[in-house]
Amino acid sequence: MKVLVTGATGVLGRRSLPQLVKAGHAVSALARTKEKADLVRAVGATPVGVNLFDRAQLVRAVDGQECVINLATTIPPPSRAMPASAWAENNRIRSEASRRLVEASLTAGVVRFLQESIAFMYADAGEAWIDEDAPLEPPPVGMACLVAEAQAERFNEGGGVGVVLRFGQLYDWYSAHTRFMRAMVRRRLPALPGPASAYSPTIAADDAAAGIVAAREAPSGAWNVSDDEPMTRRASNLEVAEALGAKPPITTGSALLRLNQNTRFYLRSQRVSNRRLKEATT
């Protein structure tokens, strides 16, 4: 299958490209600098220099492709993530860029479109398992994800197969967010803040990439991509502390989260299930 990937040099993209190539796909990837192009070539993919907001360039880039995987994001680092303004570029990518990419894909006759989204949009469900039919209650920083998901549905309506992948929080030893989490634990602060008994949807970047490869066979619709057994904040923080040889956190961080509307969603308990995706792709 001929596949075009956006966001190919981010944390998830870097893990996904090698797996897509290994699965036998002819992979092209957006890369607008020499350094990023070299990263793409190193794993056997072909770099394509395209502006995500330029429709004409996108139409040329998707021409001849059978599948487009949109992983493009610009998530602000945790140290700058509290003000809404920090999410402006990411919101634009998830809304405007996803719309332009779907338009170009429909014009070019692309068959399948995969759109990255997040599992944090679900409402608090306590200890109950959350599947794809559970009600959504997106936080302010997640509203643009609804726009992106709507574009995947628009692709369905245009005759293609639109797939939404709702990822748990990615963890990867080398990612900026995971490094920040490790630093917090060493200061006896929680890697995953929020109520100790609340569940948090997470997933290793390599496993998330495997989910992307599997989703090339998934029917249209939304699918959860998360760990098999979500852990509570308490269990997650204790495990990270033990792995680092650090003492357990002395606070849950919940009080600080309540002060900002962009971080209150961390207070939710989201025991997200990946059962449907596994059953649909095995």
C-alpha atoms as a PDB file:
ATOM      1  CA  MET A   1       0.000   0.000   0.000  1.00  0.00           C
ATOM      2  CA  LYS A   2       1.237   3.523  -0.808  1.00  0.00           C
ATOM      3  CA  VAL A   3       1.090   5.542   2.420  1.00  0.00           C
ATOM      4  CA  LEU A   4       1.705   9.221   3.184  1.00  0.00           C
ATOM      5  CA  VAL A   5       2.400  10.179   6.815  1.00  0.00           C
ATOM      6  CA  THR A   6       2.245  13.653   8.315  1.00  0.00           C
ATOM      7  CA  GLY A   7       3.847  14.371  11.680  1.00  0.00           C
ATOM      8  CA  ALA A   8       6.364  11.729  10.701  1.00  0.00           C
ATOM      9  CA  THR A   9       9.271  13.115  12.722  1.00  0.00           C
ATOM     10  CA  GLY A  10       7.382  13.555  15.994  1.00  0.00           C
ATOM     11  CA  VAL A  11       7.468  11.045  18.848  1.00  0.00           C
ATOM     12  CA  LEU A  12       4.725   8.882  17.354  1.00  0.00           C
ATOM     13  CA  GLY A  13       5.774   9.370  13.750  1.00  0.00           C
ATOM     14  CA  ARG A  14       9.347   8.264  14.378  1.00  0.00           C
ATOM     15  CA  ARG A  15       8.074   5.035  15.907  1.00  0.00           C
ATOM     16  CA  SER A  16       5.479   4.503  13.173  1.00  0.00           C
ATOM     17  CA  LEU A  17       7.580   4.930  10.022  1.00  0.00           C
ATOM     18  CA  PRO A  18       9.865   1.909  10.596  1.00  0.00           C
ATOM     19  CA  GLN A  19       6.891  -0.306  11.433  1.00  0.00           C
ATOM     20  CA  LEU A  20       4.977   0.786   8.321  1.00  0.00           C
ATOM     21  CA  VAL A  21       8.034   0.171   6.143  1.00  0.00           C
ATOM     22  CA  LYS A  22       8.603  -3.230   7.761  1.00  0.00           C
ATOM     23  CA  ALA A  23       4.964  -4.126   7.066  1.00  0.00           C
ATOM     24  CA  GLY A  24       5.732  -3.743   3.360  1.00  0.00           C
ATOM     25  CA  HIS A  25       4.172  -0.357   2.630  1.00  0.00           C
ATOM     26  CA  ALA A  26       5.706   2.218   0.273  1.00  0.00           C
ATOM     27  CA  VAL A  27       5.907   5.092   2.755  1.00  0.00           C
ATOM     28  CA  SER A  28       6.265   8.793   2.038  1.00  0.00           C
ATOM     29  CA  ALA A  29       6.521  11.279   4.903  1.00  0.00           C
ATOM     30  CA  LEU A  30       6.291  15.030   5.271  1.00  0.00           C
ATOM     31  CA  ALA A  31       9.682  16.501   6.194  1.00  0.00           C
ATOM     32  CA  ARG A  32      10.458  20.160   5.563  1.00  0.00           C
ATOM     33  CA  THR A  33      14.071  20.364   6.762  1.00  0.00           C
ATOM     34  CA  LYS A  34      17.192  18.482   5.686  1.00  0.00           C
ATOM     35  CA  GLU A  35      17.602  16.997   9.154  1.00  0.00           C
ATOM     36  CA  LYS A  36      14.065  15.646   9.166  1.00  0.00           C
ATOM     37  CA  ALA A  37      14.382  14.389   5.597  1.00  0.00           C
ATOM     38  CA  ASP A  38      17.499  12.461   6.612  1.00  0.00           C
ATOM     39  CA  LEU A  39      15.570  10.857   9.495  1.00  0.00           C
ATOM     40  CA  VAL A  40      12.857   9.756   7.080  1.00  0.00           C
ATOM     41  CA  ARG A  41      15.332   8.282   4.582  1.00  0.00           C
ATOM     42  CA  ALA A  42      17.198   6.455   7.362  1.00  0.00           C
ATOM     43  CA  VAL A  43      14.193   4.187   7.997  1.00  0.00           C
ATOM     44  CA  GLY A  44      13.462   3.493   4.334  1.00  0.00           C
ATOM     45  CA  ALA A  45      10.758   6.101   3.692  1.00  0.00           C
ATOM     46  CA  THR A  46      10.683   8.925   1.138  1.00  0.00           C
ATOM     47  CA  PRO A  47      10.665  12.543   2.401  1.00  0.00           C
ATOM     48  CA  VAL A  48       8.227  15.025   0.907  1.00  0.00           C
ATOM     49  CA  GLY A  49       8.552  18.765   1.532  1.00  0.00           C
ATOM     50  CA  VAL A  50       5.013  20.100   1.854  1.00  0.00           C
ATOM     51  CA  ASN A  51       3.271  22.921   3.709  1.00  0.00           C
ATOM     52  CA  LEU A  52       0.270  21.445   5.535  1.00  0.00           C
ATOM     53  CA  PHE A  53      -1.717  24.628   4.954  1.00  0.00           C
ATOM     54  CA  ASP A  54      -1.103  24.819   1.201  1.00  0.00           C
ATOM     55  CA  ARG A  55      -3.881  22.972  -0.606  1.00  0.00           C
ATOM     56  CA  ALA A  56      -2.117  22.828  -3.975  1.00  0.00           C
ATOM     57  CA  GLN A  57       1.010  21.326  -2.424  1.00  0.00           C
ATOM     58  CA  LEU A  58      -1.087  18.812  -0.491  1.00  0.00           C
ATOM     59  CA  VAL A  59      -2.945  17.694  -3.626  1.00  0.00           C
ATOM     60  CA  ARG A  60       0.383  16.984  -5.321  1.00  0.00           C
ATOM     61  CA  ALA A  61       1.704  15.177  -2.248  1.00  0.00           C
ATOM     62  CA  VAL A  62      -1.282  12.832  -1.903  1.00  0.00           C
ATOM     63  CA  ASP A  63      -1.582  12.125  -5.624  1.00  0.00           C
ATOM     64  CA  GLY A  64      -1.130   8.389  -6.147  1.00  0.00           C
ATOM     65  CA  GLN A  65      -1.342   7.577  -2.432  1.00  0.00           C
ATOM     66  CA  GLU A  66      -3.765   4.947  -1.181  1.00  0.00           C
ATOM     67  CA  CYS A  67      -3.675   5.855   2.516  1.00  0.00           C
ATOM     68  CA  VAL A  68      -2.969   9.100   4.385  1.00  0.00           C
ATOM     69  CA  ILE A  69      -2.054   8.986   8.077  1.00  0.00           C
ATOM     70  CA  ASN A  70      -2.351  12.365   9.768  1.00  0.00           C
ATOM     71  CA  LEU A  71      -0.238  12.433  12.935  1.00  0.00           C
ATOM     72  CA  ALA A  72       0.631  16.138  12.740  1.00  0.00           C
ATOM     73  CA  THR A  73       0.576  17.916  16.116  1.00  0.00           C
ATOM     74  CA  THR A  74       2.527  20.592  17.968  1.00  0.00           C
ATOM     75  CA  ILE A  75       1.950  19.792  21.632  1.00  0.00           C
ATOM     76  CA  PRO A  76       3.469  22.463  23.900  1.00  0.00           C
ATOM     77  CA  PRO A  77       5.946  21.269  26.527  1.00  0.00           C
ATOM     78  CA  PRO A  78       4.447  20.808  30.026  1.00  0.00           C
ATOM     79  CA  SER A  79       6.278  23.869  31.314  1.00  0.00           C
ATOM     80  CA  ARG A  80       4.317  26.077  28.876  1.00  0.00           C
ATOM     81  CA  ALA A  81       1.061  24.159  28.476  1.00  0.00           C
ATOM     82  CA  MET A  82      -1.209  25.952  30.962  1.00  0.00           C
ATOM     83  CA  PRO A  83      -2.188  29.103  28.977  1.00  0.00           C
ATOM     84  CA  ALA A  84      -4.664  28.581  26.148  1.00  0.00           C
ATOM     85  CA  SER A  85      -2.434  30.577  23.802  1.00  0.00           C
ATOM     86  CA  ALA A  86       0.207  27.834  23.981  1.00  0.00           C
ATOM     87  CA  TRP A  87      -2.164  25.510  22.112  1.00  0.00           C
ATOM     88  CA  ALA A  88      -2.968  27.879  19.231  1.00  0.00           C
ATOM     89  CA  GLU A  89      -0.683  26.277  16.637  1.00  0.00           C
ATOM     90  CA  ASN A  90      -1.689  22.756  17.640  1.00  0.00           C
ATOM     91  CA  ASN A  91      -5.362  23.723  17.383  1.00  0.00           C
ATOM     92  CA  ARG A  92      -4.762  25.149  13.909  1.00  0.00           C
ATOM     93  CA  ILE A  93      -3.036  21.958  12.777  1.00  0.00           C
ATOM     94  CA  ARG A  94      -5.811  19.737  14.112  1.00  0.00           C
ATOM     95  CA  SER A  95      -8.569  21.858  12.608  1.00  0.00           C
ATOM     96  CA  GLU A  96      -7.410  23.726   9.492  1.00  0.00           C
ATOM     97  CA  ALA A  97      -4.649  21.332   8.392  1.00  0.00           C
ATOM     98  CA  SER A  98      -6.830  18.246   8.854  1.00  0.00           C
ATOM     99  CA  ARG A  99      -9.562  19.887   6.747  1.00  0.00           C
ATOM    100  CA  ARG A 100      -7.161  20.747   3.941  1.00  0.00           C
ATOM    101  CA  LEU A 101      -5.616  17.286   4.041  1.00  0.00           C
ATOM    102  CA  VAL A 102      -9.013  15.588   3.768  1.00  0.00           C
ATOM    103  CA  GLU A 103      -9.988  17.864   0.888  1.00  0.00           C
ATOM    104  CA  ALA A 104      -6.771  17.014  -0.946  1.00  0.00           C
ATOM    105  CA  SER A 105      -7.193  13.298  -0.231  1.00  0.00           C
ATOM    106  CA  LEU A 106     -10.734  13.253  -1.580  1.00  0.00           C
ATOM    107  CA  THR A 107      -9.621  15.141  -4.671  1.00  0.00           C
ATOM    108  CA  ALA A 108      -6.786  12.679  -5.291  1.00  0.00           C
ATOM    109  CA  GLY A 109      -8.919   9.578  -4.757  1.00  0.00           C
ATOM    110  CA  VAL A 110      -7.174   8.364  -1.592  1.00  0.00           C
ATOM    111  CA  VAL A 111      -8.931   5.255  -0.257  1.00  0.00           C
ATOM    112  CA  ARG A 112      -8.145   5.390   3.482  1.00  0.00           C
ATOM    113  CA  PHE A 113      -7.564   8.290   5.897  1.00  0.00           C
ATOM    114  CA  LEU A 114      -6.308   7.848   9.491  1.00  0.00           C
ATOM    115  CA  GLN A 115      -6.642  10.780  11.883  1.00  0.00           C
ATOM    116  CA  GLU A 116      -4.812  11.082  15.213  1.00  0.00           C
ATOM    117  CA  SER A 117      -6.974  12.056  18.197  1.00  0.00           C
ATOM    118  CA  ILE A 118      -6.839  11.672  21.994  1.00  0.00           C
ATOM    119  CA  ALA A 119      -8.528   9.501  24.609  1.00  0.00           C
ATOM    120  CA  PHE A 120      -8.658  12.329  27.146  1.00  0.00           C
ATOM    121  CA  MET A 121     -11.898  13.598  25.603  1.00  0.00           C
ATOM    122  CA  TYR A 122     -14.022  11.035  27.424  1.00  0.00           C
ATOM    123  CA  ALA A 123     -16.050  12.044  30.460  1.00  0.00           C
ATOM    124  CA  ASP A 124     -15.061  10.830  33.909  1.00  0.00           C
ATOM    125  CA  ALA A 125     -16.232   7.239  34.335  1.00  0.00           C
ATOM    126  CA  GLY A 126     -14.784   6.274  37.699  1.00  0.00           C
ATOM    127  CA  GLU A 127     -13.826   2.593  37.718  1.00  0.00           C
ATOM    128  CA  ALA A 128     -16.002   1.697  34.707  1.00  0.00           C
ATOM    129  CA  TRP A 129     -14.386   0.670  31.433  1.00  0.00           C
ATOM    130  CA  ILE A 130     -14.671   3.222  28.609  1.00  0.00           C
ATOM    131  CA  ASP A 131     -15.291   2.089  25.033  1.00  0.00           C
ATOM    132  CA  GLU A 132     -15.748   4.147  21.873  1.00  0.00           C
ATOM    133  CA  ASP A 133     -19.470   4.679  22.558  1.00  0.00           C
ATOM    134  CA  ALA A 134     -18.828   6.447  25.868  1.00  0.00           C
ATOM    135  CA  PRO A 135     -19.844  10.128  26.038  1.00  0.00           C
ATOM    136  CA  LEU A 136     -17.267  12.730  25.100  1.00  0.00           C
ATOM    137  CA  GLU A 137     -16.575  15.767  27.241  1.00  0.00           C
ATOM    138  CA  PRO A 138     -13.551  17.407  25.621  1.00  0.00           C
ATOM    139  CA  PRO A 139     -11.532  19.915  27.626  1.00  0.00           C
ATOM    140  CA  PRO A 140     -10.828  23.294  25.985  1.00  0.00           C
ATOM    141  CA  VAL A 141      -7.489  22.032  24.679  1.00  0.00           C
ATOM    142  CA  GLY A 142      -9.262  19.068  23.094  1.00  0.00           C
ATOM    143  CA  MET A 143     -11.951  20.886  21.146  1.00  0.00           C
ATOM    144  CA  ALA A 144      -9.806  20.955  18.003  1.00  0.00           C
ATOM    145  CA  CYS A 145      -9.713  17.152  18.143  1.00  0.00           C
ATOM    146  CA  LEU A 146     -13.464  17.117  17.558  1.00  0.00           C
ATOM    147  CA  VAL A 147     -12.893  19.158  14.417  1.00  0.00           C
ATOM    148  CA  ALA A 148     -10.235  16.715  13.241  1.00  0.00           C
ATOM    149  CA  GLU A 149     -12.494  13.748  13.980  1.00  0.00           C
ATOM    150  CA  ALA A 150     -15.279  15.419  12.008  1.00  0.00           C
ATOM    151  CA  GLN A 151     -12.932  15.660   9.026  1.00  0.00           C
ATOM    152  CA  ALA A 152     -12.396  11.889   9.142  1.00  0.00           C
ATOM    153  CA  GLU A 153     -16.182  11.472   9.092  1.00  0.00           C
ATOM    154  CA  ARG A 154     -16.312  13.861   6.158  1.00  0.00           C
ATOM    155  CA  PHE A 155     -13.855  11.559   4.383  1.00  0.00           C
ATOM    156  CA  ASN A 156     -16.306   8.694   5.005  1.00  0.00           C
ATOM    157  CA  GLU A 157     -19.118  10.718   3.521  1.00  0.00           C
ATOM    158  CA  GLY A 158     -16.930  11.353   0.477  1.00  0.00           C
ATOM    159  CA  GLY A 159     -16.696   7.622  -0.210  1.00  0.00           C
ATOM    160  CA  GLY A 160     -13.457   6.723   1.563  1.00  0.00           C
ATOM    161  CA  VAL A 161     -12.661   4.911   4.803  1.00  0.00           C
ATOM    162  CA  GLY A 162     -12.066   7.442   7.594  1.00  0.00           C
ATOM    163  CA  VAL A 163     -10.499   6.102  10.783  1.00  0.00           C
ATOM    164  CA  VAL A 164     -10.012   8.043  14.031  1.00  0.00           C
ATOM    165  CA  LEU A 165      -7.418   6.785  16.511  1.00  0.00           C
ATOM    166  CA  ARG A 166      -7.893   8.060  20.073  1.00  0.00           C
ATOM    167  CA  PHE A 167      -4.497   7.630  21.704  1.00  0.00           C
ATOM    168  CA  GLY A 168      -3.760   7.513  25.395  1.00  0.00           C
ATOM    169  CA  GLN A 169      -0.914   9.646  26.694  1.00  0.00           C
ATOM    170  CA  LEU A 170       2.246   8.559  24.919  1.00  0.00           C
ATOM    171  CA  TYR A 171       5.304   7.599  26.887  1.00  0.00           C
ATOM    172  CA  ASP A 172       8.694   7.180  25.308  1.00  0.00           C
ATOM    173  CA  TRP A 173      12.036   7.295  27.081  1.00  0.00           C
ATOM    174  CA  TYR A 174      13.365  10.078  24.846  1.00  0.00           C
ATOM    175  CA  SER A 175      10.277  12.299  24.476  1.00  0.00           C
ATOM    176  CA  ALA A 176      10.215  15.745  26.087  1.00  0.00           C
ATOM    177  CA  HIS A 177       7.025  14.942  28.004  1.00  0.00           C
ATOM    178  CA  THR A 178       8.418  11.704  29.400  1.00  0.00           C
ATOM    179  CA  ARG A 179      11.646  13.462  30.409  1.00  0.00           C
ATOM    180  CA  PHE A 180       9.529  16.057  32.202  1.00  0.00           C
ATOM    181  CA  MET A 181       7.632  13.292  34.005  1.00  0.00           C
ATOM    182  CA  ARG A 182      10.870  11.697  35.149  1.00  0.00           C
ATOM    183  CA  ALA A 183      12.093  15.061  36.439  1.00  0.00           C
ATOM    184  CA  MET A 184       8.870  15.526  38.419  1.00  0.00           C
ATOM    185  CA  VAL A 185       9.204  12.133  40.101  1.00  0.00           C
ATOM    186  CA  ARG A 186      12.788  12.851  41.118  1.00  0.00           C
ATOM    187  CA  ARG A 187      11.416  15.955  42.885  1.00  0.00           C
ATOM    188  CA  ARG A 188       8.812  13.746  44.598  1.00  0.00           C
ATOM    189  CA  LEU A 189       6.049  15.190  42.426  1.00  0.00           C
ATOM    190  CA  PRO A 190       3.684  12.957  40.406  1.00  0.00           C
ATOM    191  CA  ALA A 191       4.561  11.914  36.868  1.00  0.00           C
ATOM    192  CA  LEU A 192       0.807  11.704  36.233  1.00  0.00           C
ATOM    193  CA  PRO A 193      -0.979  14.263  38.422  1.00  0.00           C
ATOM    194  CA  GLY A 194      -4.567  13.833  39.526  1.00  0.00           C
ATOM    195  CA  PRO A 195      -6.587  11.814  42.049  1.00  0.00           C
ATOM    196  CA  ALA A 196      -4.657   8.759  43.216  1.00  0.00           C
ATOM    197  CA  SER A 197      -7.533   6.343  42.498  1.00  0.00           C
ATOM    198  CA  ALA A 198      -8.315   7.760  39.037  1.00  0.00           C
ATOM    199  CA  TYR A 199      -7.383   5.761  35.948  1.00  0.00           C
ATOM    200  CA  SER A 200      -5.274   7.320  33.192  1.00  0.00           C
ATOM    201  CA  PRO A 201      -5.169   6.194  29.524  1.00  0.00           C
ATOM    202  CA  THR A 202      -1.546   5.733  28.479  1.00  0.00           C
ATOM    203  CA  ILE A 203       0.383   3.849  25.825  1.00  0.00           C
ATOM    204  CA  ALA A 204       4.011   3.276  24.874  1.00  0.00           C
ATOM    205  CA  ALA A 205       4.947   4.984  21.618  1.00  0.00           C
ATOM    206  CA  ASP A 206       6.012   1.678  20.030  1.00  0.00           C
ATOM    207  CA  ASP A 207       2.649   0.105  20.902  1.00  0.00           C
ATOM    208  CA  ALA A 208       0.820   3.151  19.564  1.00  0.00           C
ATOM    209  CA  ALA A 209       2.743   2.776  16.307  1.00  0.00           C
ATOM    210  CA  ALA A 210       1.734  -0.880  16.157  1.00  0.00           C
ATOM    211  CA  GLY A 211      -1.867   0.278  16.549  1.00  0.00           C
ATOM    212  CA  ILE A 212      -1.451   2.547  13.538  1.00  0.00           C
ATOM    213  CA  VAL A 213      -0.126  -0.306  11.414  1.00  0.00           C
ATOM    214  CA  ALA A 214      -3.021  -2.508  12.546  1.00  0.00           C
ATOM    215  CA  ALA A 215      -5.569   0.233  11.832  1.00  0.00           C
ATOM    216  CA  ARG A 216      -4.840   0.010   8.108  1.00  0.00           C
ATOM    217  CA  GLU A 217      -7.300  -2.916   8.251  1.00  0.00           C
ATOM    218  CA  ALA A 218      -9.839  -1.314  10.610  1.00  0.00           C
ATOM    219  CA  PRO A 219     -13.327  -0.327   9.440  1.00  0.00           C
ATOM    220  CA  SER A 220     -14.298   3.339   9.482  1.00  0.00           C
ATOM    221  CA  GLY A 221     -15.044   4.924  12.833  1.00  0.00           C
ATOM    222  CA  ALA A 222     -13.272   5.834  16.068  1.00  0.00           C
ATOM    223  CA  TRP A 223     -10.949   3.412  17.859  1.00  0.00           C
ATOM    224  CA  ASN A 224      -9.171   3.588  21.202  1.00  0.00           C
ATOM    225  CA  VAL A 225      -5.410   2.992  21.204  1.00  0.00           C
ATOM    226  CA  SER A 226      -4.241   2.509  24.779  1.00  0.00           C
ATOM    227  CA  ASP A 227      -2.550   0.058  27.134  1.00  0.00           C
ATOM    228  CA  ASP A 228      -4.351  -3.235  27.790  1.00  0.00           C
ATOM    229  CA  GLU A 229      -4.634  -2.527  31.512  1.00  0.00           C
ATOM    230  CA  PRO A 230      -4.883   1.181  32.382  1.00  0.00           C
ATOM    231  CA  MET A 231      -3.351   1.991  35.752  1.00  0.00           C
ATOM    232  CA  THR A 232      -4.474   4.359  38.461  1.00  0.00           C
ATOM    233  CA  ARG A 233      -2.394   7.476  39.045  1.00  0.00           C
ATOM    234  CA  ARG A 234      -1.152   5.984  42.302  1.00  0.00           C
ATOM    235  CA  ALA A 235       0.030   2.775  40.630  1.00  0.00           C
ATOM    236  CA  SER A 236       1.615   4.616  37.706  1.00  0.00           C
ATOM    237  CA  ASN A 237       3.509   7.047  39.902  1.00  0.00           C
ATOM    238  CA  LEU A 238       4.773   4.308  42.206  1.00  0.00           C
ATOM    239  CA  GLU A 239       5.962   2.276  39.228  1.00  0.00           C
ATOM    240  CA  VAL A 240       7.828   5.216  37.699  1.00  0.00           C
ATOM    241  CA  ALA A 241       9.403   6.058  41.062  1.00  0.00           C
ATOM    242  CA  GLU A 242      10.542   2.460  41.518  1.00  0.00           C
ATOM    243  CA  ALA A 243      11.992   2.342  37.999  1.00  0.00           C
ATOM    244  CA  LEU A 244      13.998   5.499  38.698  1.00  0.00           C
ATOM    245  CA  GLY A 245      15.047   4.438  42.180  1.00  0.00           C
ATOM    246  CA  ALA A 246      13.231   7.486  43.579  1.00  0.00           C
ATOM    247  CA  LYS A 247      10.969   7.935  46.587  1.00  0.00           C
ATOM    248  CA  PRO A 248       7.193   8.015  45.949  1.00  0.00           C
ATOM    249  CA  PRO A 249       5.533  11.396  45.255  1.00  0.00           C
ATOM    250  CA  ILE A 250       4.373  13.304  48.331  1.00  0.00           C
ATOM    251  CA  THR A 251       1.400  14.945  46.567  1.00  0.00           C
ATOM    252  CA  THR A 252      -1.130  14.066  43.848  1.00  0.00           C
ATOM    253  CA  GLY A 253      -0.933  17.501  42.211  1.00  0.00           C
ATOM    254  CA  SER A 254      -4.742  17.710  42.090  1.00  0.00           C
ATOM    255  CA  ALA A 255      -5.020  21.090  43.787  1.00  0.00           C
ATOM    256  CA  LEU A 256      -2.920  22.815  41.141  1.00  0.00           C
ATOM    257  CA  LEU A 257      -4.848  21.192  38.298  1.00  0.00           C
ATOM    258  CA  ARG A 258      -8.130  22.634  39.554  1.00  0.00           C
ATOM    259  CA  LEU A 259      -6.811  26.168  39.093  1.00  0.00           C
ATOM    260  CA  ASN A 260      -6.702  26.037  35.297  1.00  0.00           C
ATOM    261  CA  GLN A 261      -9.494  24.967  32.918  1.00  0.00           C
ATOM    262  CA  ASN A 262      -6.916  23.568  30.503  1.00  0.00           C
ATOM    263  CA  THR A 263      -5.620  21.061  33.063  1.00  0.00           C
ATOM    264  CA  ARG A 264      -8.781  20.055  34.955  1.00  0.00           C
ATOM    265  CA  PHE A 265      -9.341  17.104  32.639  1.00  0.00           C
ATOM    266  CA  TYR A 266      -6.395  15.441  34.394  1.00  0.00           C
ATOM    267  CA  LEU A 267      -8.726  15.053  37.386  1.00  0.00           C
ATOM    268  CA  ARG A 268     -10.893  12.580  35.457  1.00  0.00           C
ATOM    269  CA  SER A 269     -10.796   8.817  35.765  1.00  0.00           C
ATOM    270  CA  GLN A 270     -10.644   7.295  32.272  1.00  0.00           C
ATOM    271  CA  ARG A 271     -10.265   3.522  32.195  1.00  0.00           C
ATOM    272  CA  VAL A 272     -10.079   3.344  28.407  1.00  0.00           C
ATOM    273  CA  SER A 273     -10.469  -0.035  26.684  1.00  0.00           C
ATOM    274  CA  ASN A 274      -8.644  -1.027  23.480  1.00  0.00           C
ATOM    275  CA  ARG A 275     -10.661  -4.245  23.112  1.00  0.00           C
ATOM    276  CA  ARG A 276     -12.571  -3.239  19.992  1.00  0.00           C
ATOM    277  CA  LEU A 277      -9.497  -2.301  17.951  1.00  0.00           C
ATOM    278  CA  LYS A 278      -7.727  -5.520  18.903  1.00  0.00           C
ATOM    279  CA  GLU A 279     -10.759  -7.597  17.931  1.00  0.00           C
ATOM    280  CA  ALA A 280     -11.227  -5.732  14.641  1.00  0.00           C
ATOM    281  CA  THR A 281      -7.605  -6.060  13.525  1.00  0.00           C
ATOM    282  CA  THR A 282      -6.601  -9.589  14.588  1.00  0.00           C
END
